[in-house]
């Protein structure tokens, strides 16, 4: 239940810069203890979880909006289109442009 509060906080703030101390405070654990518990429960580090959720949000934005790819990359906290594209390809195996063009949508 306490970890879920932190997950809810992450999901509500995906488009913001997130600090581990701010996230762990939501569940009333120290940052160190929170990170250990989070990984034990979810199977992901906090940063992996955030990255995966941001990329899922980016995929949704590619499907549902006409925002350009650079704007979507910035929205999900990537500093450049190259970094965003690289992360997107690692996650989905396809570039954001091809994902949008071919409408090969993953859920």
C-alpha atoms as a PDB file:
ATOM      1  CA  UNK A   1       0.000   0.000   0.000  1.00  0.00           C
ATOM      2  CA  UNK A   2       2.763   2.456   0.886  1.00  0.00           C
ATOM      3  CA  UNK A   3       4.750   1.622  -2.258  1.00  0.00           C
ATOM      4  CA  UNK A   4       1.558   2.084  -4.282  1.00  0.00           C
ATOM      5  CA  UNK A   5       1.363   5.691  -3.073  1.00  0.00           C
ATOM      6  CA  UNK A   6       4.800   6.284  -4.569  1.00  0.00           C
ATOM      7  CA  UNK A   7       3.793   4.576  -7.828  1.00  0.00           C
ATOM      8  CA  UNK A   8       0.698   6.785  -8.015  1.00  0.00           C
ATOM      9  CA  UNK A   9       2.914   9.821  -7.432  1.00  0.00           C
ATOM     10  CA  UNK A  10       5.263   8.747 -10.234  1.00  0.00           C
ATOM     11  CA  UNK A  11       2.361   8.259 -12.644  1.00  0.00           C
ATOM     12  CA  UNK A  12       0.885  11.681 -11.838  1.00  0.00           C
ATOM     13  CA  UNK A  13       4.252  13.369 -12.336  1.00  0.00           C
ATOM     14  CA  UNK A  14       5.779  11.591 -15.351  1.00  0.00           C
ATOM     15  CA  UNK A  15       6.174  14.859 -17.210  1.00  0.00           C
ATOM     16  CA  UNK A  16       8.210  16.410 -14.394  1.00  0.00           C
ATOM     17  CA  UNK A  17      11.747  15.901 -13.154  1.00  0.00           C
ATOM     18  CA  UNK A  18      11.469  13.309 -10.371  1.00  0.00           C
ATOM     19  CA  UNK A  19      13.870  12.971  -7.456  1.00  0.00           C
ATOM     20  CA  UNK A  20      14.154   9.718  -5.519  1.00  0.00           C
ATOM     21  CA  UNK A  21      13.825  11.517  -2.190  1.00  0.00           C
ATOM     22  CA  UNK A  22      10.561  13.090  -3.318  1.00  0.00           C
ATOM     23  CA  UNK A  23       9.237   9.733  -4.544  1.00  0.00           C
ATOM     24  CA  UNK A  24      10.298   7.790  -1.450  1.00  0.00           C
ATOM     25  CA  UNK A  25       8.754  10.425   0.822  1.00  0.00           C
ATOM     26  CA  UNK A  26       5.326   9.468  -0.570  1.00  0.00           C
ATOM     27  CA  UNK A  27       5.637   6.053   1.090  1.00  0.00           C
ATOM     28  CA  UNK A  28       7.428   7.301   4.229  1.00  0.00           C
ATOM     29  CA  UNK A  29      10.599   5.265   3.603  1.00  0.00           C
ATOM     30  CA  UNK A  30      14.171   6.462   3.348  1.00  0.00           C
ATOM     31  CA  UNK A  31      15.386   6.672  -0.238  1.00  0.00           C
ATOM     32  CA  UNK A  32      17.712   3.698   0.319  1.00  0.00           C
ATOM     33  CA  UNK A  33      15.073   1.433   1.868  1.00  0.00           C
ATOM     34  CA  UNK A  34      12.441   2.518  -0.644  1.00  0.00           C
ATOM     35  CA  UNK A  35      14.636   1.633  -3.627  1.00  0.00           C
ATOM     36  CA  UNK A  36      15.334  -1.835  -2.216  1.00  0.00           C
ATOM     37  CA  UNK A  37      11.656  -2.499  -1.490  1.00  0.00           C
ATOM     38  CA  UNK A  38      10.507  -1.090  -4.805  1.00  0.00           C
ATOM     39  CA  UNK A  39      12.796  -3.379  -6.770  1.00  0.00           C
ATOM     40  CA  UNK A  40      11.869  -6.406  -4.668  1.00  0.00           C
ATOM     41  CA  UNK A  41       8.150  -5.762  -5.239  1.00  0.00           C
ATOM     42  CA  UNK A  42       8.132  -4.629  -8.884  1.00  0.00           C
ATOM     43  CA  UNK A  43      11.212  -6.326 -10.295  1.00  0.00           C
ATOM     44  CA  UNK A  44      12.403  -2.957 -11.645  1.00  0.00           C
ATOM     45  CA  UNK A  45      14.628  -0.272 -10.234  1.00  0.00           C
ATOM     46  CA  UNK A  46      12.808   3.012  -9.671  1.00  0.00           C
ATOM     47  CA  UNK A  47      14.609   4.557 -12.652  1.00  0.00           C
ATOM     48  CA  UNK A  48      13.755   1.607 -14.938  1.00  0.00           C
ATOM     49  CA  UNK A  49      10.120   1.866 -13.899  1.00  0.00           C
ATOM     50  CA  UNK A  50      10.022   5.613 -14.566  1.00  0.00           C
ATOM     51  CA  UNK A  51      11.737   5.200 -17.944  1.00  0.00           C
ATOM     52  CA  UNK A  52       9.322   2.434 -18.994  1.00  0.00           C
ATOM     53  CA  UNK A  53       6.280   4.446 -17.934  1.00  0.00           C
ATOM     54  CA  UNK A  54       7.549   7.554 -19.731  1.00  0.00           C
ATOM     55  CA  UNK A  55       8.116   5.572 -22.920  1.00  0.00           C
ATOM     56  CA  UNK A  56       4.624   4.067 -22.635  1.00  0.00           C
ATOM     57  CA  UNK A  57       3.275   7.610 -22.271  1.00  0.00           C
ATOM     58  CA  UNK A  58       5.285   8.672 -25.325  1.00  0.00           C
ATOM     59  CA  UNK A  59       3.787   5.781 -27.318  1.00  0.00           C
ATOM     60  CA  UNK A  60       0.316   6.910 -26.261  1.00  0.00           C
ATOM     61  CA  UNK A  61       1.069  10.479 -27.340  1.00  0.00           C
ATOM     62  CA  UNK A  62       2.343   9.233 -30.705  1.00  0.00           C
ATOM     63  CA  UNK A  63      -0.924   7.338 -31.209  1.00  0.00           C
ATOM     64  CA  UNK A  64      -3.349   9.930 -29.933  1.00  0.00           C
ATOM     65  CA  UNK A  65      -1.855  13.329 -30.780  1.00  0.00           C
ATOM     66  CA  UNK A  66      -0.249  15.154 -33.662  1.00  0.00           C
ATOM     67  CA  UNK A  67       2.560  16.569 -31.509  1.00  0.00           C
ATOM     68  CA  UNK A  68       5.918  16.298 -33.230  1.00  0.00           C
ATOM     69  CA  UNK A  69       8.397  13.703 -32.010  1.00  0.00           C
ATOM     70  CA  UNK A  70      10.787  16.239 -30.508  1.00  0.00           C
ATOM     71  CA  UNK A  71       7.971  17.789 -28.471  1.00  0.00           C
ATOM     72  CA  UNK A  72       6.896  14.351 -27.224  1.00  0.00           C
ATOM     73  CA  UNK A  73      10.496  13.536 -26.296  1.00  0.00           C
ATOM     74  CA  UNK A  74      10.753  16.734 -24.270  1.00  0.00           C
ATOM     75  CA  UNK A  75       7.351  16.090 -22.688  1.00  0.00           C
ATOM     76  CA  UNK A  76       8.551  12.753 -21.321  1.00  0.00           C
ATOM     77  CA  UNK A  77      11.793  14.276 -20.013  1.00  0.00           C
ATOM     78  CA  UNK A  78      14.306  13.413 -22.745  1.00  0.00           C
ATOM     79  CA  UNK A  79      16.844  16.143 -23.457  1.00  0.00           C
ATOM     80  CA  UNK A  80      17.093  15.523 -27.193  1.00  0.00           C
ATOM     81  CA  UNK A  81      15.297  13.768 -30.010  1.00  0.00           C
ATOM     82  CA  UNK A  82      18.298  11.453 -30.411  1.00  0.00           C
ATOM     83  CA  UNK A  83      18.167  10.312 -26.779  1.00  0.00           C
ATOM     84  CA  UNK A  84      14.412   9.832 -26.993  1.00  0.00           C
ATOM     85  CA  UNK A  85      14.623   7.882 -30.250  1.00  0.00           C
ATOM     86  CA  UNK A  86      17.417   5.665 -28.900  1.00  0.00           C
ATOM     87  CA  UNK A  87      15.427   4.839 -25.748  1.00  0.00           C
ATOM     88  CA  UNK A  88      12.231   4.267 -27.757  1.00  0.00           C
ATOM     89  CA  UNK A  89      13.998   1.842 -30.115  1.00  0.00           C
ATOM     90  CA  UNK A  90      15.477  -0.079 -27.180  1.00  0.00           C
ATOM     91  CA  UNK A  91      12.038  -0.381 -25.596  1.00  0.00           C
ATOM     92  CA  UNK A  92       9.850  -1.015 -28.660  1.00  0.00           C
ATOM     93  CA  UNK A  93      12.283  -2.111 -31.368  1.00  0.00           C
ATOM     94  CA  UNK A  94      11.069   0.599 -33.754  1.00  0.00           C
ATOM     95  CA  UNK A  95      11.662   4.343 -34.116  1.00  0.00           C
ATOM     96  CA  UNK A  96       8.957   6.747 -32.932  1.00  0.00           C
ATOM     97  CA  UNK A  97       8.419   7.982 -36.502  1.00  0.00           C
ATOM     98  CA  UNK A  98       7.951   4.465 -37.841  1.00  0.00           C
ATOM     99  CA  UNK A  99       5.731   3.589 -34.862  1.00  0.00           C
ATOM    100  CA  UNK A 100       3.442   6.490 -35.696  1.00  0.00           C
ATOM    101  CA  UNK A 101       3.551   6.034 -39.480  1.00  0.00           C
ATOM    102  CA  UNK A 102       2.936   2.285 -39.532  1.00  0.00           C
ATOM    103  CA  UNK A 103       0.496   2.416 -36.649  1.00  0.00           C
ATOM    104  CA  UNK A 104       2.111  -0.649 -35.107  1.00  0.00           C
ATOM    105  CA  UNK A 105       0.732   0.068 -31.667  1.00  0.00           C
ATOM    106  CA  UNK A 106       1.709  -1.846 -28.575  1.00  0.00           C
ATOM    107  CA  UNK A 107      -0.510  -1.828 -25.532  1.00  0.00           C
END
